[in-house]
Amino acid sequence: MSLEFLITTLIVVVSPGAGALYTIAAGLGRGSRASIWAAFFCTIGILPHMLAAITGLAAVLHASALAFDIIKYLGVVYLLYMAWATLRETGALSVSAKAEAKSFKDMAIEVMLMNLLNPKLSIFFFAFLPQFVPADAPGAVGQMVQLSLVFMAMTFAVFVLYGLFAAAIRNHVVSKPAIMTWMRRSFAAAFVALGAKLALTQR
Protein backbone atom coordinates (compact mmCIF):
# COMPACT_ATOMS: atom_id res chain seq x y z
CA MET A 1 0.00 0.00 0.00
CA SER A 2 1.57 3.25 -1.12
CA LEU A 3 1.93 6.46 0.85
CA GLU A 4 0.43 8.24 -2.16
CA PHE A 5 -2.78 6.23 -1.76
CA LEU A 6 -3.03 7.06 1.96
CA ILE A 7 -2.45 10.77 1.41
CA THR A 8 -4.92 10.94 -1.49
CA THR A 9 -7.52 9.03 0.51
CA LEU A 10 -7.10 11.34 3.51
CA ILE A 11 -7.57 14.41 1.31
CA VAL A 12 -10.73 12.94 -0.21
CA VAL A 13 -12.16 11.86 3.15
CA VAL A 14 -11.60 15.14 5.01
CA SER A 15 -13.19 17.13 2.19
CA PRO A 16 -16.67 18.16 3.38
CA GLY A 17 -19.55 16.33 1.75
CA ALA A 18 -23.02 15.04 2.51
CA GLY A 19 -21.75 12.26 4.79
CA ALA A 20 -19.60 14.58 6.90
CA LEU A 21 -22.44 17.09 7.11
CA TYR A 22 -24.84 14.37 8.19
CA THR A 23 -22.48 13.16 10.94
CA ILE A 24 -21.88 16.68 12.24
CA ALA A 25 -25.63 17.33 12.33
CA ALA A 26 -26.15 14.09 14.25
CA GLY A 27 -23.52 15.11 16.79
CA LEU A 28 -25.02 18.56 17.28
CA GLY A 29 -28.58 17.31 17.32
CA ARG A 30 -28.39 14.16 19.43
CA GLY A 31 -24.92 13.81 20.90
CA SER A 32 -21.85 11.62 20.58
CA ARG A 33 -23.57 8.21 20.39
CA ALA A 34 -25.73 9.31 17.46
CA SER A 35 -22.71 10.83 15.70
CA ILE A 36 -20.76 7.57 15.96
CA TRP A 37 -23.68 5.63 14.52
CA ALA A 38 -24.01 8.21 11.75
CA ALA A 39 -20.31 7.81 10.93
CA PHE A 40 -20.74 4.03 10.90
CA PHE A 41 -23.74 4.12 8.56
CA CYS A 42 -21.99 6.60 6.25
CA THR A 43 -19.04 4.21 6.09
CA ILE A 44 -21.22 1.15 5.41
CA GLY A 45 -22.96 3.17 2.71
CA ILE A 46 -19.71 3.09 0.74
CA LEU A 47 -19.96 -0.69 0.25
CA PRO A 48 -22.43 -0.68 -2.69
CA HIS A 49 -20.23 1.73 -4.62
CA MET A 50 -17.10 -0.24 -3.81
CA LEU A 51 -18.74 -3.44 -5.04
CA ALA A 52 -20.04 -1.65 -8.13
CA ALA A 53 -16.54 -0.50 -9.02
CA ILE A 54 -14.96 -3.91 -8.42
CA THR A 55 -17.62 -5.84 -10.37
CA GLY A 56 -17.70 -3.39 -13.25
CA LEU A 57 -21.17 -1.95 -12.67
CA ALA A 58 -19.63 1.49 -12.34
CA ALA A 59 -18.34 1.13 -15.90
CA VAL A 60 -21.91 0.62 -17.10
CA LEU A 61 -23.04 3.66 -15.14
CA HIS A 62 -20.17 5.65 -16.61
CA ALA A 63 -21.08 4.56 -20.15
CA SER A 64 -24.83 5.14 -19.87
CA ALA A 65 -25.77 8.80 -19.82
CA LEU A 66 -29.43 8.00 -19.09
CA ALA A 67 -28.68 5.75 -16.08
CA PHE A 68 -26.23 8.27 -14.68
CA ASP A 69 -28.66 11.18 -15.06
CA ILE A 70 -31.58 9.27 -13.51
CA ILE A 71 -29.61 8.41 -10.39
CA LYS A 72 -28.04 11.85 -10.29
CA TYR A 73 -31.33 13.75 -10.34
CA LEU A 74 -32.90 11.40 -7.81
CA GLY A 75 -29.94 12.27 -5.61
CA VAL A 76 -30.50 15.98 -6.19
CA VAL A 77 -34.15 15.66 -5.19
CA TYR A 78 -33.20 13.74 -2.06
CA LEU A 79 -30.62 16.32 -1.01
CA LEU A 80 -33.21 19.06 -1.45
CA TYR A 81 -35.63 17.02 0.65
CA MET A 82 -32.99 16.77 3.39
CA ALA A 83 -32.55 20.55 3.26
CA TRP A 84 -36.30 21.01 3.63
CA ALA A 85 -36.48 18.49 6.50
CA THR A 86 -33.64 20.28 8.29
CA LEU A 87 -35.43 23.61 8.09
CA ARG A 88 -38.56 21.98 9.46
CA GLU A 89 -36.58 20.33 12.28
CA THR A 90 -37.68 16.85 11.27
CA GLY A 91 -35.86 13.65 10.41
CA ALA A 92 -32.46 12.47 11.58
CA LEU A 93 -30.89 15.80 10.68
CA SER A 94 -32.88 17.91 13.11
CA VAL A 95 -30.67 20.09 15.30
CA SER A 96 -32.69 20.61 18.44
CA ALA A 97 -32.16 21.39 22.09
CA LYS A 98 -34.31 18.38 22.96
CA ALA A 99 -32.52 15.30 21.66
CA GLU A 100 -35.31 12.91 20.72
CA ALA A 101 -34.71 9.19 20.59
CA LYS A 102 -34.52 8.57 16.87
CA SER A 103 -34.54 5.12 15.36
CA PHE A 104 -31.11 4.05 14.18
CA LYS A 105 -32.96 2.09 11.50
CA ASP A 106 -34.34 5.39 10.16
CA MET A 107 -30.85 6.88 10.27
CA ALA A 108 -29.45 3.91 8.36
CA ILE A 109 -32.14 4.23 5.68
CA GLU A 110 -31.48 7.95 5.27
CA VAL A 111 -27.74 7.47 4.93
CA MET A 112 -28.10 4.53 2.53
CA LEU A 113 -30.42 6.54 0.29
CA MET A 114 -28.07 9.51 0.42
CA ASN A 115 -25.15 7.35 -0.69
CA LEU A 116 -26.97 5.15 -3.23
CA LEU A 117 -28.37 8.21 -4.99
CA ASN A 118 -24.92 9.68 -5.49
CA PRO A 119 -23.42 8.24 -8.69
CA LYS A 120 -20.22 10.20 -8.07
CA LEU A 121 -19.19 7.64 -5.47
CA SER A 122 -19.31 4.74 -7.92
CA ILE A 123 -17.50 6.76 -10.57
CA PHE A 124 -14.95 7.83 -7.97
CA PHE A 125 -14.13 4.24 -7.03
CA PHE A 126 -14.16 3.22 -10.68
CA ALA A 127 -11.61 5.91 -11.54
CA PHE A 128 -9.71 6.00 -8.23
CA LEU A 129 -8.88 2.43 -7.26
CA PRO A 130 -7.37 1.23 -10.56
CA GLN A 131 -4.74 3.97 -10.32
CA PHE A 132 -3.17 2.10 -7.41
CA VAL A 133 -3.70 -1.46 -8.69
CA PRO A 134 -2.18 -2.42 -12.06
CA ALA A 135 -4.72 -4.29 -14.17
CA ASP A 136 -2.29 -7.15 -14.83
CA ALA A 137 -1.24 -7.47 -11.19
CA PRO A 138 -1.86 -10.89 -9.63
CA GLY A 139 -4.78 -10.75 -7.23
CA ALA A 140 -5.89 -7.32 -8.51
CA VAL A 141 -9.43 -7.76 -7.16
CA GLY A 142 -8.11 -8.65 -3.72
CA GLN A 143 -5.90 -5.58 -3.73
CA MET A 144 -8.84 -3.37 -4.71
CA VAL A 145 -10.88 -4.80 -1.84
CA GLN A 146 -8.01 -4.17 0.57
CA LEU A 147 -7.61 -0.55 -0.57
CA SER A 148 -11.37 -0.04 -0.36
CA LEU A 149 -11.42 -1.29 3.22
CA VAL A 150 -8.62 1.10 4.11
CA PHE A 151 -10.62 3.91 2.51
CA MET A 152 -13.66 2.92 4.58
CA ALA A 153 -11.65 2.71 7.82
CA MET A 154 -10.21 6.16 7.23
CA THR A 155 -13.67 7.51 6.43
CA PHE A 156 -15.06 6.13 9.68
CA ALA A 157 -12.18 7.54 11.76
CA VAL A 158 -12.42 11.03 10.28
CA PHE A 159 -16.22 11.14 10.48
CA VAL A 160 -16.14 10.01 14.12
CA LEU A 161 -13.78 12.90 14.89
CA TYR A 162 -16.14 15.31 13.13
CA GLY A 163 -19.12 13.94 15.02
CA LEU A 164 -17.48 13.87 18.45
CA PHE A 165 -16.29 17.44 18.02
CA ALA A 166 -19.83 18.51 17.10
CA ALA A 167 -21.19 16.63 20.12
CA ALA A 168 -18.59 18.27 22.40
CA ILE A 169 -19.80 21.77 21.52
CA ARG A 170 -23.46 20.75 21.45
CA ASN A 171 -24.36 22.23 24.85
CA HIS A 172 -22.83 25.56 23.87
CA VAL A 173 -24.92 25.65 20.69
CA VAL A 174 -28.36 24.27 21.49
CA SER A 175 -28.89 26.63 24.44
CA LYS A 176 -28.83 29.66 22.13
CA PRO A 177 -31.93 29.96 19.88
CA ALA A 178 -30.26 32.42 17.51
CA ILE A 179 -27.35 30.05 16.92
CA MET A 180 -29.76 27.13 16.47
CA THR A 181 -31.66 29.03 13.79
CA TRP A 182 -28.41 29.91 12.05
CA MET A 183 -27.25 26.29 12.23
CA ARG A 184 -30.47 24.93 10.72
CA ARG A 185 -30.30 27.43 7.88
CA SER A 186 -26.62 26.70 7.32
CA PHE A 187 -27.19 22.94 7.14
CA ALA A 188 -30.13 23.43 4.79
CA ALA A 189 -28.09 25.77 2.58
CA ALA A 190 -25.21 23.28 2.54
CA PHE A 191 -27.49 20.49 1.32
CA VAL A 192 -28.93 22.76 -1.36
CA ALA A 193 -25.36 23.58 -2.45
CA LEU A 194 -24.45 19.88 -2.54
CA GLY A 195 -27.58 19.21 -4.61
CA ALA A 196 -26.65 21.96 -7.05
CA LYS A 197 -23.10 20.62 -7.30
CA LEU A 198 -24.42 17.11 -7.99
CA ALA A 199 -26.84 18.46 -10.62
CA LEU A 200 -23.91 20.02 -12.49
CA THR A 201 -21.81 16.85 -12.32
CA GLN A 202 -20.98 15.24 -15.64
CA ARG A 203 -19.94 11.64 -16.21
C-alpha atoms as a PDB file:
ATOM      1  CA  MET A   1       0.000   0.000   0.000  1.00  0.00           C
ATOM      2  CA  SER A   2       1.570   3.251  -1.118  1.00  0.00           C
ATOM      3  CA  LEU A   3       1.932   6.462   0.847  1.00  0.00           C
ATOM      4  CA  GLU A   4       0.432   8.238  -2.158  1.00  0.00           C
ATOM      5  CA  PHE A   5      -2.781   6.235  -1.758  1.00  0.00           C
ATOM      6  CA  LEU A   6      -3.029   7.058   1.959  1.00  0.00           C
ATOM      7  CA  ILE A   7      -2.448  10.772   1.405  1.00  0.00           C
ATOM      8  CA  THR A   8      -4.921  10.936  -1.493  1.00  0.00           C
ATOM      9  CA  THR A   9      -7.518   9.031   0.514  1.00  0.00           C
ATOM     10  CA  LEU A  10      -7.100  11.343   3.515  1.00  0.00           C
ATOM     11  CA  ILE A  11      -7.569  14.414   1.308  1.00  0.00           C
ATOM     12  CA  VAL A  12     -10.731  12.936  -0.208  1.00  0.00           C
ATOM     13  CA  VAL A  13     -12.164  11.857   3.149  1.00  0.00           C
ATOM     14  CA  VAL A  14     -11.603  15.142   5.012  1.00  0.00           C
ATOM     15  CA  SER A  15     -13.192  17.131   2.192  1.00  0.00           C
ATOM     16  CA  PRO A  16     -16.670  18.162   3.378  1.00  0.00           C
ATOM     17  CA  GLY A  17     -19.553  16.333   1.748  1.00  0.00           C
ATOM     18  CA  ALA A  18     -23.021  15.039   2.507  1.00  0.00           C
ATOM     19  CA  GLY A  19     -21.746  12.259   4.793  1.00  0.00           C
ATOM     20  CA  ALA A  20     -19.599  14.584   6.897  1.00  0.00           C
ATOM     21  CA  LEU A  21     -22.435  17.093   7.107  1.00  0.00           C
ATOM     22  CA  TYR A  22     -24.844  14.367   8.190  1.00  0.00           C
ATOM     23  CA  THR A  23     -22.481  13.160  10.940  1.00  0.00           C
ATOM     24  CA  ILE A  24     -21.879  16.678  12.243  1.00  0.00           C
ATOM     25  CA  ALA A  25     -25.633  17.334  12.334  1.00  0.00           C
ATOM     26  CA  ALA A  26     -26.150  14.092  14.251  1.00  0.00           C
ATOM     27  CA  GLY A  27     -23.524  15.114  16.795  1.00  0.00           C
ATOM     28  CA  LEU A  28     -25.021  18.556  17.277  1.00  0.00           C
ATOM     29  CA  GLY A  29     -28.581  17.314  17.323  1.00  0.00           C
ATOM     30  CA  ARG A  30     -28.388  14.162  19.431  1.00  0.00           C
ATOM     31  CA  GLY A  31     -24.917  13.808  20.902  1.00  0.00           C
ATOM     32  CA  SER A  32     -21.850  11.616  20.577  1.00  0.00           C
ATOM     33  CA  ARG A  33     -23.567   8.211  20.390  1.00  0.00           C
ATOM     34  CA  ALA A  34     -25.730   9.309  17.460  1.00  0.00           C
ATOM     35  CA  SER A  35     -22.712  10.827  15.700  1.00  0.00           C
ATOM     36  CA  ILE A  36     -20.757   7.567  15.956  1.00  0.00           C
ATOM     37  CA  TRP A  37     -23.683   5.628  14.517  1.00  0.00           C
ATOM     38  CA  ALA A  38     -24.010   8.206  11.748  1.00  0.00           C
ATOM     39  CA  ALA A  39     -20.310   7.810  10.928  1.00  0.00           C
ATOM     40  CA  PHE A  40     -20.742   4.033  10.898  1.00  0.00           C
ATOM     41  CA  PHE A  41     -23.743   4.122   8.563  1.00  0.00           C
ATOM     42  CA  CYS A  42     -21.986   6.603   6.253  1.00  0.00           C
ATOM     43  CA  THR A  43     -19.038   4.207   6.088  1.00  0.00           C
ATOM     44  CA  ILE A  44     -21.224   1.151   5.414  1.00  0.00           C
ATOM     45  CA  GLY A  45     -22.965   3.171   2.713  1.00  0.00           C
ATOM     46  CA  ILE A  46     -19.710   3.087   0.741  1.00  0.00           C
ATOM     47  CA  LEU A  47     -19.960  -0.688   0.252  1.00  0.00           C
ATOM     48  CA  PRO A  48     -22.431  -0.684  -2.686  1.00  0.00           C
ATOM     49  CA  HIS A  49     -20.227   1.725  -4.625  1.00  0.00           C
ATOM     50  CA  MET A  50     -17.098  -0.236  -3.808  1.00  0.00           C
ATOM     51  CA  LEU A  51     -18.741  -3.443  -5.042  1.00  0.00           C
ATOM     52  CA  ALA A  52     -20.039  -1.648  -8.131  1.00  0.00           C
ATOM     53  CA  ALA A  53     -16.541  -0.498  -9.018  1.00  0.00           C
ATOM     54  CA  ILE A  54     -14.964  -3.906  -8.418  1.00  0.00           C
ATOM     55  CA  THR A  55     -17.618  -5.837 -10.368  1.00  0.00           C
ATOM     56  CA  GLY A  56     -17.704  -3.392 -13.253  1.00  0.00           C
ATOM     57  CA  LEU A  57     -21.167  -1.953 -12.668  1.00  0.00           C
ATOM     58  CA  ALA A  58     -19.629   1.491 -12.344  1.00  0.00           C
ATOM     59  CA  ALA A  59     -18.336   1.131 -15.896  1.00  0.00           C
ATOM     60  CA  VAL A  60     -21.912   0.621 -17.100  1.00  0.00           C
ATOM     61  CA  LEU A  61     -23.036   3.664 -15.142  1.00  0.00           C
ATOM     62  CA  HIS A  62     -20.174   5.646 -16.609  1.00  0.00           C
ATOM     63  CA  ALA A  63     -21.080   4.558 -20.149  1.00  0.00           C
ATOM     64  CA  SER A  64     -24.831   5.137 -19.868  1.00  0.00           C
ATOM     65  CA  ALA A  65     -25.770   8.805 -19.821  1.00  0.00           C
ATOM     66  CA  LEU A  66     -29.426   7.999 -19.087  1.00  0.00           C
ATOM     67  CA  ALA A  67     -28.679   5.754 -16.084  1.00  0.00           C
ATOM     68  CA  PHE A  68     -26.230   8.275 -14.680  1.00  0.00           C
ATOM     69  CA  ASP A  69     -28.663  11.180 -15.060  1.00  0.00           C
ATOM     70  CA  ILE A  70     -31.583   9.272 -13.515  1.00  0.00           C
ATOM     71  CA  ILE A  71     -29.608   8.412 -10.391  1.00  0.00           C
ATOM     72  CA  LYS A  72     -28.037  11.852 -10.291  1.00  0.00           C
ATOM     73  CA  TYR A  73     -31.330  13.747 -10.336  1.00  0.00           C
ATOM     74  CA  LEU A  74     -32.904  11.397  -7.813  1.00  0.00           C
ATOM     75  CA  GLY A  75     -29.940  12.266  -5.607  1.00  0.00           C
ATOM     76  CA  VAL A  76     -30.499  15.979  -6.190  1.00  0.00           C
ATOM     77  CA  VAL A  77     -34.151  15.658  -5.188  1.00  0.00           C
ATOM     78  CA  TYR A  78     -33.204  13.736  -2.057  1.00  0.00           C
ATOM     79  CA  LEU A  79     -30.619  16.318  -1.007  1.00  0.00           C
ATOM     80  CA  LEU A  80     -33.214  19.063  -1.453  1.00  0.00           C
ATOM     81  CA  TYR A  81     -35.625  17.021   0.651  1.00  0.00           C
ATOM     82  CA  MET A  82     -32.985  16.767   3.388  1.00  0.00           C
ATOM     83  CA  ALA A  83     -32.553  20.551   3.264  1.00  0.00           C
ATOM     84  CA  TRP A  84     -36.303  21.012   3.633  1.00  0.00           C
ATOM     85  CA  ALA A  85     -36.482  18.494   6.503  1.00  0.00           C
ATOM     86  CA  THR A  86     -33.637  20.276   8.291  1.00  0.00           C
ATOM     87  CA  LEU A  87     -35.433  23.613   8.089  1.00  0.00           C
ATOM     88  CA  ARG A  88     -38.561  21.976   9.459  1.00  0.00           C
ATOM     89  CA  GLU A  89     -36.578  20.334  12.281  1.00  0.00           C
ATOM     90  CA  THR A  90     -37.682  16.851  11.271  1.00  0.00           C
ATOM     91  CA  GLY A  91     -35.857  13.646  10.409  1.00  0.00           C
ATOM     92  CA  ALA A  92     -32.464  12.469  11.578  1.00  0.00           C
ATOM     93  CA  LEU A  93     -30.888  15.796  10.683  1.00  0.00           C
ATOM     94  CA  SER A  94     -32.878  17.910  13.109  1.00  0.00           C
ATOM     95  CA  VAL A  95     -30.671  20.089  15.301  1.00  0.00           C
ATOM     96  CA  SER A  96     -32.685  20.607  18.441  1.00  0.00           C
ATOM     97  CA  ALA A  97     -32.157  21.385  22.091  1.00  0.00           C
ATOM     98  CA  LYS A  98     -34.311  18.379  22.956  1.00  0.00           C
ATOM     99  CA  ALA A  99     -32.521  15.297  21.659  1.00  0.00           C
ATOM    100  CA  GLU A 100     -35.313  12.909  20.722  1.00  0.00           C
ATOM    101  CA  ALA A 101     -34.713   9.186  20.593  1.00  0.00           C
ATOM    102  CA  LYS A 102     -34.521   8.567  16.868  1.00  0.00           C
ATOM    103  CA  SER A 103     -34.542   5.123  15.365  1.00  0.00           C
ATOM    104  CA  PHE A 104     -31.111   4.047  14.177  1.00  0.00           C
ATOM    105  CA  LYS A 105     -32.965   2.094  11.501  1.00  0.00           C
ATOM    106  CA  ASP A 106     -34.339   5.385  10.160  1.00  0.00           C
ATOM    107  CA  MET A 107     -30.853   6.881  10.270  1.00  0.00           C
ATOM    108  CA  ALA A 108     -29.445   3.910   8.360  1.00  0.00           C
ATOM    109  CA  ILE A 109     -32.137   4.228   5.684  1.00  0.00           C
ATOM    110  CA  GLU A 110     -31.483   7.954   5.267  1.00  0.00           C
ATOM    111  CA  VAL A 111     -27.740   7.469   4.929  1.00  0.00           C
ATOM    112  CA  MET A 112     -28.096   4.530   2.528  1.00  0.00           C
ATOM    113  CA  LEU A 113     -30.417   6.538   0.293  1.00  0.00           C
ATOM    114  CA  MET A 114     -28.071   9.508   0.425  1.00  0.00           C
ATOM    115  CA  ASN A 115     -25.152   7.346  -0.688  1.00  0.00           C
ATOM    116  CA  LEU A 116     -26.967   5.152  -3.225  1.00  0.00           C
ATOM    117  CA  LEU A 117     -28.369   8.207  -4.987  1.00  0.00           C
ATOM    118  CA  ASN A 118     -24.917   9.681  -5.490  1.00  0.00           C
ATOM    119  CA  PRO A 119     -23.418   8.238  -8.691  1.00  0.00           C
ATOM    120  CA  LYS A 120     -20.222  10.201  -8.073  1.00  0.00           C
ATOM    121  CA  LEU A 121     -19.194   7.641  -5.466  1.00  0.00           C
ATOM    122  CA  SER A 122     -19.311   4.738  -7.918  1.00  0.00           C
ATOM    123  CA  ILE A 123     -17.505   6.757 -10.567  1.00  0.00           C
ATOM    124  CA  PHE A 124     -14.951   7.826  -7.968  1.00  0.00           C
ATOM    125  CA  PHE A 125     -14.132   4.238  -7.029  1.00  0.00           C
ATOM    126  CA  PHE A 126     -14.163   3.224 -10.685  1.00  0.00           C
ATOM    127  CA  ALA A 127     -11.607   5.911 -11.536  1.00  0.00           C
ATOM    128  CA  PHE A 128      -9.711   6.002  -8.230  1.00  0.00           C
ATOM    129  CA  LEU A 129      -8.880   2.429  -7.258  1.00  0.00           C
ATOM    130  CA  PRO A 130      -7.366   1.226 -10.557  1.00  0.00           C
ATOM    131  CA  GLN A 131      -4.741   3.970 -10.322  1.00  0.00           C
ATOM    132  CA  PHE A 132      -3.165   2.101  -7.410  1.00  0.00           C
ATOM    133  CA  VAL A 133      -3.705  -1.461  -8.685  1.00  0.00           C
ATOM    134  CA  PRO A 134      -2.180  -2.419 -12.064  1.00  0.00           C
ATOM    135  CA  ALA A 135      -4.719  -4.292 -14.172  1.00  0.00           C
ATOM    136  CA  ASP A 136      -2.290  -7.149 -14.831  1.00  0.00           C
ATOM    137  CA  ALA A 137      -1.237  -7.473 -11.193  1.00  0.00           C
ATOM    138  CA  PRO A 138      -1.859 -10.891  -9.628  1.00  0.00           C
ATOM    139  CA  GLY A 139      -4.780 -10.746  -7.228  1.00  0.00           C
ATOM    140  CA  ALA A 140      -5.888  -7.324  -8.505  1.00  0.00           C
ATOM    141  CA  VAL A 141      -9.430  -7.763  -7.159  1.00  0.00           C
ATOM    142  CA  GLY A 142      -8.110  -8.650  -3.716  1.00  0.00           C
ATOM    143  CA  GLN A 143      -5.897  -5.576  -3.730  1.00  0.00           C
ATOM    144  CA  MET A 144      -8.844  -3.367  -4.710  1.00  0.00           C
ATOM    145  CA  VAL A 145     -10.878  -4.803  -1.843  1.00  0.00           C
ATOM    146  CA  GLN A 146      -8.006  -4.166   0.565  1.00  0.00           C
ATOM    147  CA  LEU A 147      -7.615  -0.551  -0.569  1.00  0.00           C
ATOM    148  CA  SER A 148     -11.371  -0.039  -0.360  1.00  0.00           C
ATOM    149  CA  LEU A 149     -11.424  -1.292   3.222  1.00  0.00           C
ATOM    150  CA  VAL A 150      -8.623   1.103   4.115  1.00  0.00           C
ATOM    151  CA  PHE A 151     -10.623   3.913   2.510  1.00  0.00           C
ATOM    152  CA  MET A 152     -13.665   2.921   4.584  1.00  0.00           C
ATOM    153  CA  ALA A 153     -11.648   2.705   7.818  1.00  0.00           C
ATOM    154  CA  MET A 154     -10.206   6.164   7.231  1.00  0.00           C
ATOM    155  CA  THR A 155     -13.669   7.512   6.434  1.00  0.00           C
ATOM    156  CA  PHE A 156     -15.057   6.132   9.678  1.00  0.00           C
ATOM    157  CA  ALA A 157     -12.179   7.535  11.758  1.00  0.00           C
ATOM    158  CA  VAL A 158     -12.422  11.025  10.278  1.00  0.00           C
ATOM    159  CA  PHE A 159     -16.221  11.139  10.482  1.00  0.00           C
ATOM    160  CA  VAL A 160     -16.137  10.014  14.120  1.00  0.00           C
ATOM    161  CA  LEU A 161     -13.783  12.904  14.891  1.00  0.00           C
ATOM    162  CA  TYR A 162     -16.145  15.315  13.126  1.00  0.00           C
ATOM    163  CA  GLY A 163     -19.119  13.936  15.023  1.00  0.00           C
ATOM    164  CA  LEU A 164     -17.483  13.874  18.446  1.00  0.00           C
ATOM    165  CA  PHE A 165     -16.291  17.445  18.024  1.00  0.00           C
ATOM    166  CA  ALA A 166     -19.828  18.507  17.104  1.00  0.00           C
ATOM    167  CA  ALA A 167     -21.189  16.634  20.124  1.00  0.00           C
ATOM    168  CA  ALA A 168     -18.591  18.267  22.398  1.00  0.00           C
ATOM    169  CA  ILE A 169     -19.799  21.770  21.522  1.00  0.00           C
ATOM    170  CA  ARG A 170     -23.462  20.749  21.454  1.00  0.00           C
ATOM    171  CA  ASN A 171     -24.361  22.232  24.849  1.00  0.00           C
ATOM    172  CA  HIS A 172     -22.825  25.563  23.866  1.00  0.00           C
ATOM    173  CA  VAL A 173     -24.918  25.649  20.691  1.00  0.00           C
ATOM    174  CA  VAL A 174     -28.364  24.269  21.488  1.00  0.00           C
ATOM    175  CA  SER A 175     -28.892  26.628  24.444  1.00  0.00           C
ATOM    176  CA  LYS A 176     -28.826  29.660  22.132  1.00  0.00           C
ATOM    177  CA  PRO A 177     -31.930  29.961  19.880  1.00  0.00           C
ATOM    178  CA  ALA A 178     -30.258  32.419  17.511  1.00  0.00           C
ATOM    179  CA  ILE A 179     -27.347  30.051  16.922  1.00  0.00           C
ATOM    180  CA  MET A 180     -29.764  27.132  16.472  1.00  0.00           C
ATOM    181  CA  THR A 181     -31.664  29.026  13.792  1.00  0.00           C
ATOM    182  CA  TRP A 182     -28.407  29.907  12.047  1.00  0.00           C
ATOM    183  CA  MET A 183     -27.246  26.288  12.235  1.00  0.00           C
ATOM    184  CA  ARG A 184     -30.466  24.931  10.715  1.00  0.00           C
ATOM    185  CA  ARG A 185     -30.304  27.426   7.882  1.00  0.00           C
ATOM    186  CA  SER A 186     -26.620  26.701   7.322  1.00  0.00           C
ATOM    187  CA  PHE A 187     -27.186  22.936   7.139  1.00  0.00           C
ATOM    188  CA  ALA A 188     -30.127  23.432   4.793  1.00  0.00           C
ATOM    189  CA  ALA A 189     -28.090  25.768   2.578  1.00  0.00           C
ATOM    190  CA  ALA A 190     -25.208  23.276   2.539  1.00  0.00           C
ATOM    191  CA  PHE A 191     -27.486  20.489   1.322  1.00  0.00           C
ATOM    192  CA  VAL A 192     -28.926  22.755  -1.360  1.00  0.00           C
ATOM    193  CA  ALA A 193     -25.364  23.584  -2.449  1.00  0.00           C
ATOM    194  CA  LEU A 194     -24.448  19.877  -2.544  1.00  0.00           C
ATOM    195  CA  GLY A 195     -27.575  19.210  -4.605  1.00  0.00           C
ATOM    196  CA  ALA A 196     -26.650  21.961  -7.050  1.00  0.00           C
ATOM    197  CA  LYS A 197     -23.104  20.619  -7.302  1.00  0.00           C
ATOM    198  CA  LEU A 198     -24.424  17.111  -7.992  1.00  0.00           C
ATOM    199  CA  ALA A 199     -26.842  18.459 -10.620  1.00  0.00           C
ATOM    200  CA  LEU A 200     -23.907  20.021 -12.490  1.00  0.00           C
ATOM    201  CA  THR A 201     -21.806  16.849 -12.318  1.00  0.00           C
ATOM    202  CA  GLN A 202     -20.980  15.245 -15.645  1.00  0.00           C
ATOM    203  CA  ARG A 203     -19.937  11.645 -16.207  1.00  0.00           C
END
